PDB file of N, CA and C in Angstrom:
ATOM      1  N   MET A   1      26.096  46.088 -58.174  1.00  0.00           N
ATOM      2  CA  MET A   1      25.170  45.153 -57.624  1.00  0.00           C
ATOM      3  C   MET A   1      23.779  45.511 -58.126  1.00  0.00           C
ATOM      4  N   SER A   2      23.053  44.487 -58.513  1.00  0.00           N
ATOM      5  CA  SER A   2      21.739  44.753 -59.082  1.00  0.00           C
ATOM      6  C   SER A   2      20.664  44.622 -58.012  1.00  0.00           C
ATOM      7  N   ALA A   3      19.562  45.258 -58.242  1.00  0.00           N
ATOM      8  CA  ALA A   3      18.438  45.212 -57.293  1.00  0.00           C
ATOM      9  C   ALA A   3      17.777  43.845 -57.366  1.00  0.00           C
ATOM     10  N   PRO A   4      17.311  43.324 -56.216  1.00  0.00           N
ATOM     11  CA  PRO A   4      16.672  42.006 -56.228  1.00  0.00           C
ATOM     12  C   PRO A   4      15.380  42.050 -57.049  1.00  0.00           C
ATOM     13  N   THR A   5      15.140  40.969 -57.694  1.00  0.00           N
ATOM     14  CA  THR A   5      13.930  40.876 -58.501  1.00  0.00           C
ATOM     15  C   THR A   5      12.751  40.548 -57.590  1.00  0.00           C
ATOM     16  N   PRO A   6      11.536  40.866 -58.032  1.00  0.00           N
ATOM     17  CA  PRO A   6      10.369  40.558 -57.193  1.00  0.00           C
ATOM     18  C   PRO A   6      10.268  39.065 -56.876  1.00  0.00           C
ATOM     19  N   ASP A   7      10.629  38.222 -57.841  1.00  0.00           N
ATOM     20  CA  ASP A   7      10.565  36.781 -57.563  1.00  0.00           C
ATOM     21  C   ASP A   7      11.542  36.385 -56.459  1.00  0.00           C
ATOM     22  N   ARG A   8      12.747  36.983 -56.461  1.00  0.00           N
ATOM     23  CA  ARG A   8      13.755  36.674 -55.439  1.00  0.00           C
ATOM     24  C   ARG A   8      13.291  37.167 -54.077  1.00  0.00           C
ATOM     25  N   THR A   9      12.681  38.326 -54.012  1.00  0.00           N
ATOM     26  CA  THR A   9      12.185  38.883 -52.758  1.00  0.00           C
ATOM     27  C   THR A   9      11.074  37.992 -52.194  1.00  0.00           C
ATOM     28  N   VAL A  10      10.183  37.542 -53.028  1.00  0.00           N
ATOM     29  CA  VAL A  10       9.101  36.650 -52.584  1.00  0.00           C
ATOM     30  C   VAL A  10       9.683  35.322 -52.113  1.00  0.00           C
ATOM     31  N   ALA A  11      10.634  34.784 -52.832  1.00  0.00           N
ATOM     32  CA  ALA A  11      11.260  33.521 -52.449  1.00  0.00           C
ATOM     33  C   ALA A  11      11.964  33.656 -51.103  1.00  0.00           C
ATOM     34  N   ASP A  12      12.666  34.767 -50.887  1.00  0.00           N
ATOM     35  CA  ASP A  12      13.324  34.999 -49.594  1.00  0.00           C
ATOM     36  C   ASP A  12      12.289  35.088 -48.468  1.00  0.00           C
ATOM     37  N   ALA A  13      11.194  35.754 -48.724  1.00  0.00           N
ATOM     38  CA  ALA A  13      10.137  35.886 -47.713  1.00  0.00           C
ATOM     39  C   ALA A  13       9.544  34.517 -47.387  1.00  0.00           C
ATOM     40  N   ILE A  14       9.301  33.714 -48.408  1.00  0.00           N
ATOM     41  CA  ILE A  14       8.757  32.371 -48.195  1.00  0.00           C
ATOM     42  C   ILE A  14       9.745  31.524 -47.395  1.00  0.00           C
ATOM     43  N   ASP A  15      11.037  31.644 -47.718  1.00  0.00           N
ATOM     44  CA  ASP A  15      12.057  30.905 -46.967  1.00  0.00           C
ATOM     45  C   ASP A  15      12.060  31.300 -45.498  1.00  0.00           C
ATOM     46  N   ARG A  16      11.932  32.596 -45.221  1.00  0.00           N
ATOM     47  CA  ARG A  16      11.914  33.064 -43.822  1.00  0.00           C
ATOM     48  C   ARG A  16      10.679  32.515 -43.090  1.00  0.00           C
ATOM     49  N   VAL A  17       9.533  32.499 -43.768  1.00  0.00           N
ATOM     50  CA  VAL A  17       8.315  31.968 -43.153  1.00  0.00           C
ATOM     51  C   VAL A  17       8.476  30.480 -42.868  1.00  0.00           C
ATOM     52  N   LEU A  18       9.032  29.748 -43.813  1.00  0.00           N
ATOM     53  CA  LEU A  18       9.241  28.314 -43.605  1.00  0.00           C
ATOM     54  C   LEU A  18      10.217  28.048 -42.460  1.00  0.00           C
ATOM     55  N   GLU A  19      11.271  28.846 -42.361  1.00  0.00           N
ATOM     56  CA  GLU A  19      12.217  28.710 -41.247  1.00  0.00           C
ATOM     57  C   GLU A  19      11.534  29.005 -39.913  1.00  0.00           C
ATOM     58  N   ALA A  20      10.689  30.017 -39.900  1.00  0.00           N
ATOM     59  CA  ALA A  20       9.974  30.362 -38.665  1.00  0.00           C
ATOM     60  C   ALA A  20       9.008  29.241 -38.284  1.00  0.00           C
ATOM     61  N   GLU A  21       8.317  28.664 -39.272  1.00  0.00           N
ATOM     62  CA  GLU A  21       7.415  27.552 -38.991  1.00  0.00           C
ATOM     63  C   GLU A  21       8.182  26.337 -38.464  1.00  0.00           C
ATOM     64  N   HIS A  22       9.330  26.081 -39.037  1.00  0.00           N
ATOM     65  CA  HIS A  22      10.152  24.958 -38.582  1.00  0.00           C
ATOM     66  C   HIS A  22      10.625  25.188 -37.143  1.00  0.00           C
ATOM     67  N   ALA A  23      11.064  26.405 -36.848  1.00  0.00           N
ATOM     68  CA  ALA A  23      11.503  26.728 -35.485  1.00  0.00           C
ATOM     69  C   ALA A  23      10.339  26.606 -34.507  1.00  0.00           C
ATOM     70  N   ALA A  24       9.152  27.044 -34.919  1.00  0.00           N
ATOM     71  CA  ALA A  24       7.975  26.941 -34.052  1.00  0.00           C
ATOM     72  C   ALA A  24       7.608  25.478 -33.814  1.00  0.00           C
ATOM     73  N   ALA A  25       7.695  24.648 -34.847  1.00  0.00           N
ATOM     74  CA  ALA A  25       7.393  23.226 -34.690  1.00  0.00           C
ATOM     75  C   ALA A  25       8.372  22.571 -33.722  1.00  0.00           C
ATOM     76  N   LEU A  26       9.650  22.925 -33.828  1.00  0.00           N
ATOM     77  CA  LEU A  26      10.636  22.374 -32.882  1.00  0.00           C
ATOM     78  C   LEU A  26      10.361  22.840 -31.461  1.00  0.00           C
ATOM     79  N   ALA A  27       9.978  24.102 -31.315  1.00  0.00           N
ATOM     80  CA  ALA A  27       9.659  24.623 -29.975  1.00  0.00           C
ATOM     81  C   ALA A  27       8.439  23.908 -29.399  1.00  0.00           C
ATOM     82  N   ILE A  28       7.456  23.635 -30.236  1.00  0.00           N
ATOM     83  CA  ILE A  28       6.260  22.921 -29.780  1.00  0.00           C
ATOM     84  C   ILE A  28       6.626  21.508 -29.330  1.00  0.00           C
ATOM     85  N   LEU A  29       7.448  20.826 -30.115  1.00  0.00           N
ATOM     86  CA  LEU A  29       7.883  19.477 -29.734  1.00  0.00           C
ATOM     87  C   LEU A  29       8.638  19.488 -28.411  1.00  0.00           C
ATOM     88  N   ALA A  30       9.504  20.480 -28.230  1.00  0.00           N
ATOM     89  CA  ALA A  30      10.261  20.585 -26.976  1.00  0.00           C
ATOM     90  C   ALA A  30       9.319  20.850 -25.801  1.00  0.00           C
ATOM     91  N   ALA A  31       8.331  21.711 -26.011  1.00  0.00           N
ATOM     92  CA  ALA A  31       7.376  22.014 -24.943  1.00  0.00           C
ATOM     93  C   ALA A  31       6.536  20.778 -24.605  1.00  0.00           C
ATOM     94  N   GLU A  32       6.134  20.024 -25.625  1.00  0.00           N
ATOM     95  CA  GLU A  32       5.367  18.796 -25.376  1.00  0.00           C
ATOM     96  C   GLU A  32       6.203  17.785 -24.590  1.00  0.00           C
ATOM     97  N   ALA A  33       7.468  17.663 -24.929  1.00  0.00           N
ATOM     98  CA  ALA A  33       8.346  16.731 -24.208  1.00  0.00           C
ATOM     99  C   ALA A  33       8.516  17.170 -22.760  1.00  0.00           C
ATOM    100  N   ALA A  34       8.683  18.466 -22.543  1.00  0.00           N
ATOM    101  CA  ALA A  34       8.825  18.975 -21.169  1.00  0.00           C
ATOM    102  C   ALA A  34       7.534  18.752 -20.385  1.00  0.00           C
ATOM    103  N   ALA A  35       6.392  18.993 -21.031  1.00  0.00           N
ATOM    104  CA  ALA A  35       5.111  18.782 -20.356  1.00  0.00           C
ATOM    105  C   ALA A  35       4.923  17.315 -20.007  1.00  0.00           C
ATOM    106  N   GLN A  36       5.280  16.425 -20.915  1.00  0.00           N
ATOM    107  CA  GLN A  36       5.151  14.991 -20.647  1.00  0.00           C
ATOM    108  C   GLN A  36       6.054  14.574 -19.487  1.00  0.00           C
ATOM    109  N   SER A  37       7.243  15.145 -19.425  1.00  0.00           N
ATOM    110  CA  SER A  37       8.149  14.839 -18.306  1.00  0.00           C
ATOM    111  C   SER A  37       7.544  15.295 -16.985  1.00  0.00           C
ATOM    112  N   ALA A  38       6.949  16.480 -16.987  1.00  0.00           N
ATOM    113  CA  ALA A  38       6.321  16.993 -15.767  1.00  0.00           C
ATOM    114  C   ALA A  38       5.138  16.112 -15.361  1.00  0.00           C
ATOM    115  N   ILE A  39       4.347  15.675 -16.328  1.00  0.00           N
ATOM    116  CA  ILE A  39       3.206  14.793 -16.038  1.00  0.00           C
ATOM    117  C   ILE A  39       3.690  13.463 -15.481  1.00  0.00           C
ATOM    118  N   ASP A  40       4.725  12.910 -16.086  1.00  0.00           N
ATOM    119  CA  ASP A  40       5.267  11.632 -15.601  1.00  0.00           C
ATOM    120  C   ASP A  40       5.792  11.766 -14.177  1.00  0.00           C
ATOM    121  N   ALA A  41       6.480  12.860 -13.892  1.00  0.00           N
ATOM    122  CA  ALA A  41       6.995  13.087 -12.537  1.00  0.00           C
ATOM    123  C   ALA A  41       5.856  13.229 -11.542  1.00  0.00           C
ATOM    124  N   ALA A  42       4.795  13.925 -11.934  1.00  0.00           N
ATOM    125  CA  ALA A  42       3.641  14.084 -11.051  1.00  0.00           C
ATOM    126  C   ALA A  42       2.963  12.740 -10.795  1.00  0.00           C
ATOM    127  N   ARG A  43       2.856  11.926 -11.816  1.00  0.00           N
ATOM    128  CA  ARG A  43       2.260  10.597 -11.641  1.00  0.00           C
ATOM    129  C   ARG A  43       3.100   9.736 -10.697  1.00  0.00           C
ATOM    130  N   GLU A  44       4.396   9.815 -10.827  1.00  0.00           N
ATOM    131  CA  GLU A  44       5.286   9.047  -9.945  1.00  0.00           C
ATOM    132  C   GLU A  44       5.151   9.526  -8.503  1.00  0.00           C
ATOM    133  N   THR A  45       5.076  10.833  -8.322  1.00  0.00           N
ATOM    134  CA  THR A  45       4.897  11.386  -6.976  1.00  0.00           C
ATOM    135  C   THR A  45       3.567  10.923  -6.388  1.00  0.00           C
ATOM    136  N   ARG A  46       2.516  10.981  -7.191  1.00  0.00           N
ATOM    137  CA  ARG A  46       1.207  10.522  -6.738  1.00  0.00           C
ATOM    138  C   ARG A  46       1.265   9.045  -6.349  1.00  0.00           C
ATOM    139  N   ARG A  47       1.934   8.221  -7.141  1.00  0.00           N
ATOM    140  CA  ARG A  47       2.048   6.800  -6.843  1.00  0.00           C
ATOM    141  C   ARG A  47       2.767   6.570  -5.514  1.00  0.00           C
ATOM    142  N   ARG A  48       3.866   7.319  -5.306  1.00  0.00           N
ATOM    143  CA  ARG A  48       4.609   7.163  -4.046  1.00  0.00           C
ATOM    144  C   ARG A  48       3.768   7.593  -2.854  1.00  0.00           C
ATOM    145  N   ILE A  49       3.019   8.683  -2.999  1.00  0.00           N
ATOM    146  CA  ILE A  49       2.168   9.159  -1.904  1.00  0.00           C
ATOM    147  C   ILE A  49       1.095   8.124  -1.583  1.00  0.00           C
ATOM    148  N   LEU A  50       0.478   7.561  -2.613  1.00  0.00           N
ATOM    149  CA  LEU A  50      -0.554   6.546  -2.396  1.00  0.00           C
ATOM    150  C   LEU A  50       0.015   5.305  -1.722  1.00  0.00           C
ATOM    151  N   GLU A  51       1.189   4.873  -2.149  1.00  0.00           N
ATOM    152  CA  GLU A  51       1.811   3.695  -1.533  1.00  0.00           C
ATOM    153  C   GLU A  51       2.147   3.968  -0.060  1.00  0.00           C
ATOM    154  N   THR A  52       2.658   5.148   0.222  1.00  0.00           N
ATOM    155  CA  THR A  52       2.963   5.514   1.607  1.00  0.00           C
ATOM    156  C   THR A  52       1.694   5.530   2.440  1.00  0.00           C
ATOM    157  N   ALA A  53       0.633   6.105   1.896  1.00  0.00           N
ATOM    158  CA  ALA A  53      -0.640   6.149   2.622  1.00  0.00           C
ATOM    159  C   ALA A  53      -1.184   4.744   2.856  1.00  0.00           C
ATOM    160  N   ARG A  54      -1.080   3.889   1.852  1.00  0.00           N
ATOM    161  CA  ARG A  54      -1.557   2.502   2.022  1.00  0.00           C
ATOM    162  C   ARG A  54      -0.780   1.779   3.113  1.00  0.00           C
ATOM    163  N   ARG A  55       0.544   1.946   3.097  1.00  0.00           N
ATOM    164  CA  ARG A  55       1.356   1.289   4.137  1.00  0.00           C
ATOM    165  C   ARG A  55       0.993   1.824   5.518  1.00  0.00           C
ATOM    166  N   ARG A  56       0.789   3.134   5.618  1.00  0.00           N
ATOM    167  CA  ARG A  56       0.445   3.736   6.909  1.00  0.00           C
ATOM    168  C   ARG A  56      -0.910   3.215   7.391  1.00  0.00           C
ATOM    169  N   VAL A  57      -1.882   3.143   6.498  1.00  0.00           N
ATOM    170  CA  VAL A  57      -3.204   2.633   6.871  1.00  0.00           C
ATOM    171  C   VAL A  57      -3.101   1.180   7.330  1.00  0.00           C
ATOM    172  N   MET A  58      -2.315   0.391   6.619  1.00  0.00           N
ATOM    173  CA  MET A  58      -2.157  -1.008   7.017  1.00  0.00           C
ATOM    174  C   MET A  58      -1.525  -1.118   8.398  1.00  0.00           C
ATOM    175  N   ARG A  59      -0.495  -0.295   8.653  1.00  0.00           N
ATOM    176  CA  ARG A  59       0.133  -0.327   9.987  1.00  0.00           C
ATOM    177  C   ARG A  59      -0.863   0.081  11.065  1.00  0.00           C
ATOM    178  N   LEU A  60      -1.651   1.114  10.792  1.00  0.00           N
ATOM    179  CA  LEU A  60      -2.646   1.553  11.769  1.00  0.00           C
ATOM    180  C   LEU A  60      -3.696   0.464  12.005  1.00  0.00           C
ATOM    181  N   HIS A  61      -4.116  -0.163  10.936  1.00  0.00           N
ATOM    182  CA  HIS A  61      -5.107  -1.234  11.053  1.00  0.00           C
ATOM    183  C   HIS A  61      -4.555  -2.402  11.873  1.00  0.00           C
ATOM    184  N   GLU A  62      -3.336  -2.809  11.570  1.00  0.00           N
ATOM    185  CA  GLU A  62      -2.726  -3.915  12.310  1.00  0.00           C
ATOM    186  C   GLU A  62      -2.547  -3.556  13.781  1.00  0.00           C
ATOM    187  N   SER A  63      -2.125  -2.324  14.029  1.00  0.00           N
ATOM    188  CA  SER A  63      -1.937  -1.887  15.406  1.00  0.00           C
ATOM    189  C   SER A  63      -3.265  -1.868  16.153  1.00  0.00           C
ATOM    190  N   ALA A  64      -4.293  -1.326  15.516  1.00  0.00           N
ATOM    191  CA  ALA A  64      -5.613  -1.280  16.159  1.00  0.00           C
ATOM    192  C   ALA A  64      -6.139  -2.683  16.393  1.00  0.00           C
ATOM    193  N   GLN A  65      -5.939  -3.560  15.428  1.00  0.00           N
ATOM    194  CA  GLN A  65      -6.401  -4.939  15.573  1.00  0.00           C
ATOM    195  C   GLN A  65      -5.693  -5.621  16.751  1.00  0.00           C
ATOM    196  N   ALA A  66      -4.390  -5.372  16.880  1.00  0.00           N
ATOM    197  CA  ALA A  66      -3.645  -5.951  17.998  1.00  0.00           C
ATOM    198  C   ALA A  66      -4.139  -5.387  19.329  1.00  0.00           C
ATOM    199  N   ARG A  67      -4.445  -4.104  19.352  1.00  0.00           N
ATOM    200  CA  ARG A  67      -4.944  -3.495  20.592  1.00  0.00           C
ATOM    201  C   ARG A  67      -6.297  -4.066  20.985  1.00  0.00           C
ATOM    202  N   VAL A  68      -7.170  -4.198  19.988  1.00  0.00           N
ATOM    203  CA  VAL A  68      -8.489  -4.768  20.271  1.00  0.00           C
ATOM    204  C   VAL A  68      -8.334  -6.192  20.789  1.00  0.00           C
ATOM    205  N   ALA A  69      -7.473  -6.975  20.164  1.00  0.00           N
ATOM    206  CA  ALA A  69      -7.251  -8.347  20.620  1.00  0.00           C
ATOM    207  C   ALA A  69      -6.722  -8.351  22.047  1.00  0.00           C
ATOM    208  N   GLY A  70      -5.800  -7.451  22.347  1.00  0.00           N
ATOM    209  CA  GLY A  70      -5.275  -7.363  23.707  1.00  0.00           C
ATOM    210  C   GLY A  70      -6.347  -6.970  24.701  1.00  0.00           C
ATOM    211  N   GLN A  71      -7.186  -6.014  24.332  1.00  0.00           N
ATOM    212  CA  GLN A  71      -8.271  -5.600  25.227  1.00  0.00           C
ATOM    213  C   GLN A  71      -9.252  -6.752  25.443  1.00  0.00           C
ATOM    214  N   LEU A  72      -9.566  -7.468  24.363  1.00  0.00           N
ATOM    215  CA  LEU A  72     -10.478  -8.605  24.514  1.00  0.00           C
ATOM    216  C   LEU A  72      -9.878  -9.684  25.405  1.00  0.00           C
ATOM    217  N   GLU A  73      -8.598  -9.929  25.244  1.00  0.00           N
ATOM    218  CA  GLU A  73      -7.933 -10.920  26.091  1.00  0.00           C
ATOM    219  C   GLU A  73      -7.974 -10.491  27.553  1.00  0.00           C
ATOM    220  N   ARG A  74      -7.710  -9.205  27.803  1.00  0.00           N
ATOM    221  CA  ARG A  74      -7.780  -8.708  29.185  1.00  0.00           C
ATOM    222  C   ARG A  74      -9.205  -8.819  29.737  1.00  0.00           C
ATOM    223  N   LEU A  75     -10.182  -8.535  28.871  1.00  0.00           N
ATOM    224  CA  LEU A  75     -11.575  -8.664  29.311  1.00  0.00           C
ATOM    225  C   LEU A  75     -11.916 -10.112  29.651  1.00  0.00           C
ATOM    226  N   GLU A  76     -11.479 -11.020  28.806  1.00  0.00           N
ATOM    227  CA  GLU A  76     -11.750 -12.437  29.064  1.00  0.00           C
ATOM    228  C   GLU A  76     -11.064 -12.898  30.343  1.00  0.00           C
ATOM    229  N   THR A  77      -9.839 -12.431  30.551  1.00  0.00           N
ATOM    230  CA  THR A  77      -9.117 -12.786  31.775  1.00  0.00           C
ATOM    231  C   THR A  77      -9.834 -12.226  32.989  1.00  0.00           C
ATOM    232  N   ALA A  78     -10.248 -10.968  32.880  1.00  0.00           N
ATOM    233  CA  ALA A  78     -10.964 -10.348  33.997  1.00  0.00           C
ATOM    234  C   ALA A  78     -12.307 -11.024  34.224  1.00  0.00           C
ATOM    235  N   ALA A  79     -12.964 -11.409  33.132  1.00  0.00           N
ATOM    236  CA  ALA A  79     -14.272 -12.057  33.271  1.00  0.00           C
ATOM    237  C   ALA A  79     -14.139 -13.421  33.926  1.00  0.00           C
ATOM    238  N   SER A  80     -13.070 -14.128  33.622  1.00  0.00           N
ATOM    239  CA  SER A  80     -12.897 -15.442  34.239  1.00  0.00           C
ATOM    240  C   SER A  80     -12.454 -15.304  35.694  1.00  0.00           C
ATOM    241  N   ALA A  81     -11.819 -14.206  36.031  1.00  0.00           N
ATOM    242  CA  ALA A  81     -11.346 -14.010  37.402  1.00  0.00           C
ATOM    243  C   ALA A  81     -12.469 -13.575  38.323  1.00  0.00           C
ATOM    244  N   GLU A  82     -13.417 -12.847  37.804  1.00  0.00           N
ATOM    245  CA  GLU A  82     -14.514 -12.377  38.636  1.00  0.00           C
ATOM    246  C   GLU A  82     -15.778 -12.281  37.797  1.00  0.00           C
ATOM    247  N   THR A  83     -16.862 -12.429  38.410  1.00  0.00           N
ATOM    248  CA  THR A  83     -18.132 -12.314  37.710  1.00  0.00           C
ATOM    249  C   THR A  83     -18.639 -10.894  37.893  1.00  0.00           C
ATOM    250  N   LEU A  84     -18.911 -10.245  36.767  1.00  0.00           N
ATOM    251  CA  LEU A  84     -19.402  -8.870  36.827  1.00  0.00           C
ATOM    252  C   LEU A  84     -20.897  -8.855  36.554  1.00  0.00           C
ATOM    253  N   ASP A  85     -21.545  -7.917  37.165  1.00  0.00           N
ATOM    254  CA  ASP A  85     -22.960  -7.753  36.853  1.00  0.00           C
ATOM    255  C   ASP A  85     -23.099  -6.905  35.582  1.00  0.00           C
ATOM    256  N   ALA A  86     -24.298  -6.659  35.136  1.00  0.00           N
ATOM    257  CA  ALA A  86     -24.547  -5.943  33.876  1.00  0.00           C
ATOM    258  C   ALA A  86     -23.932  -4.544  33.897  1.00  0.00           C
ATOM    259  N   SER A  87     -24.050  -3.831  34.990  1.00  0.00           N
ATOM    260  CA  SER A  87     -23.489  -2.473  35.034  1.00  0.00           C
ATOM    261  C   SER A  87     -21.964  -2.528  35.026  1.00  0.00           C
ATOM    262  N   GLY A  88     -21.394  -3.531  35.643  1.00  0.00           N
ATOM    263  CA  GLY A  88     -19.937  -3.686  35.620  1.00  0.00           C
ATOM    264  C   GLY A  88     -19.442  -3.992  34.217  1.00  0.00           C
ATOM    265  N   LEU A  89     -20.170  -4.859  33.515  1.00  0.00           N
ATOM    266  CA  LEU A  89     -19.808  -5.171  32.131  1.00  0.00           C
ATOM    267  C   LEU A  89     -19.932  -3.939  31.233  1.00  0.00           C
ATOM    268  N   ARG A  90     -20.986  -3.142  31.441  1.00  0.00           N
ATOM    269  CA  ARG A  90     -21.126  -1.914  30.650  1.00  0.00           C
ATOM    270  C   ARG A  90     -19.954  -0.965  30.901  1.00  0.00           C
ATOM    271  N   ALA A  91     -19.541  -0.860  32.146  1.00  0.00           N
ATOM    272  CA  ALA A  91     -18.430   0.028  32.485  1.00  0.00           C
ATOM    273  C   ALA A  91     -17.137  -0.447  31.828  1.00  0.00           C
ATOM    274  N   VAL A  92     -16.890  -1.749  31.878  1.00  0.00           N
ATOM    275  CA  VAL A  92     -15.686  -2.306  31.253  1.00  0.00           C
ATOM    276  C   VAL A  92     -15.735  -2.112  29.740  1.00  0.00           C
ATOM    277  N   ALA A  93     -16.882  -2.400  29.132  1.00  0.00           N
ATOM    278  CA  ALA A  93     -17.033  -2.238  27.678  1.00  0.00           C
ATOM    279  C   ALA A  93     -16.845  -0.780  27.280  1.00  0.00           C
ATOM    280  N   ALA A  94     -17.405   0.137  28.042  1.00  0.00           N
ATOM    281  CA  ALA A  94     -17.249   1.562  27.737  1.00  0.00           C
ATOM    282  C   ALA A  94     -15.786   1.971  27.844  1.00  0.00           C
ATOM    283  N   ALA A  95     -15.088   1.462  28.847  1.00  0.00           N
ATOM    284  CA  ALA A  95     -13.674   1.783  28.999  1.00  0.00           C
ATOM    285  C   ALA A  95     -12.862   1.252  27.822  1.00  0.00           C
ATOM    286  N   VAL A  96     -13.155   0.032  27.411  1.00  0.00           N
ATOM    287  CA  VAL A  96     -12.443  -0.567  26.282  1.00  0.00           C
ATOM    288  C   VAL A  96     -12.720   0.230  25.013  1.00  0.00           C
ATOM    289  N   LEU A  97     -13.977   0.518  24.742  1.00  0.00           N
ATOM    290  CA  LEU A  97     -14.314   1.284  23.538  1.00  0.00           C
ATOM    291  C   LEU A  97     -13.689   2.671  23.564  1.00  0.00           C
ATOM    292  N   GLY A  98     -13.659   3.294  24.711  1.00  0.00           N
ATOM    293  CA  GLY A  98     -13.015   4.608  24.826  1.00  0.00           C
ATOM    294  C   GLY A  98     -11.527   4.530  24.535  1.00  0.00           C
ATOM    295  N   ALA A  99     -10.877   3.502  25.055  1.00  0.00           N
ATOM    296  CA  ALA A  99      -9.441   3.330  24.824  1.00  0.00           C
ATOM    297  C   ALA A  99      -9.150   3.059  23.357  1.00  0.00           C
ATOM    298  N   VAL A 100      -9.958   2.212  22.731  1.00  0.00           N
ATOM    299  CA  VAL A 100      -9.760   1.899  21.312  1.00  0.00           C
ATOM    300  C   VAL A 100     -10.006   3.138  20.468  1.00  0.00           C
ATOM    301  N   ALA A 101     -11.074   3.873  20.760  1.00  0.00           N
ATOM    302  CA  ALA A 101     -11.370   5.087  19.989  1.00  0.00           C
ATOM    303  C   ALA A 101     -10.245   6.109  20.118  1.00  0.00           C
ATOM    304  N   GLU A 102      -9.733   6.256  21.316  1.00  0.00           N
ATOM    305  CA  GLU A 102      -8.620   7.201  21.507  1.00  0.00           C
ATOM    306  C   GLU A 102      -7.395   6.782  20.721  1.00  0.00           C
ATOM    307  N   ARG A 103      -7.073   5.516  20.745  1.00  0.00           N
ATOM    308  CA  ARG A 103      -5.892   5.042  20.018  1.00  0.00           C
ATOM    309  C   ARG A 103      -6.079   5.128  18.511  1.00  0.00           C
ATOM    310  N   LEU A 104      -7.271   4.890  18.037  1.00  0.00           N
ATOM    311  CA  LEU A 104      -7.521   4.964  16.589  1.00  0.00           C
ATOM    312  C   LEU A 104      -7.500   6.403  16.091  1.00  0.00           C
ATOM    313  N   THR A 105      -7.793   7.342  16.943  1.00  0.00           N
ATOM    314  CA  THR A 105      -7.826   8.739  16.510  1.00  0.00           C
ATOM    315  C   THR A 105      -6.588   9.507  16.898  1.00  0.00           C
ATOM    316  N   THR A 106      -5.619   8.843  17.489  1.00  0.00           N
ATOM    317  CA  THR A 106      -4.372   9.496  17.864  1.00  0.00           C
ATOM    318  C   THR A 106      -3.309   9.138  16.842  1.00  0.00           C
ATOM    319  N   ASP A 107      -2.625  10.151  16.334  1.00  0.00           N
ATOM    320  CA  ASP A 107      -1.571   9.941  15.334  1.00  0.00           C
ATOM    321  C   ASP A 107      -0.296   9.555  16.059  1.00  0.00           C
ATOM    322  N   GLU A 108       0.156   8.306  15.840  1.00  0.00           N
ATOM    323  CA  GLU A 108       1.348   7.814  16.511  1.00  0.00           C
ATOM    324  C   GLU A 108       2.630   8.379  15.930  1.00  0.00           C
ATOM    325  N   SER A 109       2.581   8.838  14.675  1.00  0.00           N
ATOM    326  CA  SER A 109       3.798   9.321  14.025  1.00  0.00           C
ATOM    327  C   SER A 109       4.179  10.721  14.490  1.00  0.00           C
ATOM    328  N   ALA A 110       3.267  11.413  15.168  1.00  0.00           N
ATOM    329  CA  ALA A 110       3.547  12.785  15.598  1.00  0.00           C
ATOM    330  C   ALA A 110       4.466  12.823  16.775  1.00  0.00           C
TER     331      ALA A 110
END
């Protein structure tokens, strides 16, 4: 068996470098694909969280609106049933506002 020539040794070295570069390029492509998948999954999760939050806010808004309407209806009924003086009206208004504030700041899902 003869000893490898310098040209053959250089060619083998160049081939090994090219193979390593090719393997590195494939690894980079795989890492980019994995990163893109993770980003897409995170975006989907963010979208679902935002949609859930929007639905929850809408339900809370509708519920609060219904409560306010009910309180106003009760106030109108009470006002037509009896005439209140200014201090009586302030007391009723304060009670209504307190009830609405409590309901708006209380988490119903808990």
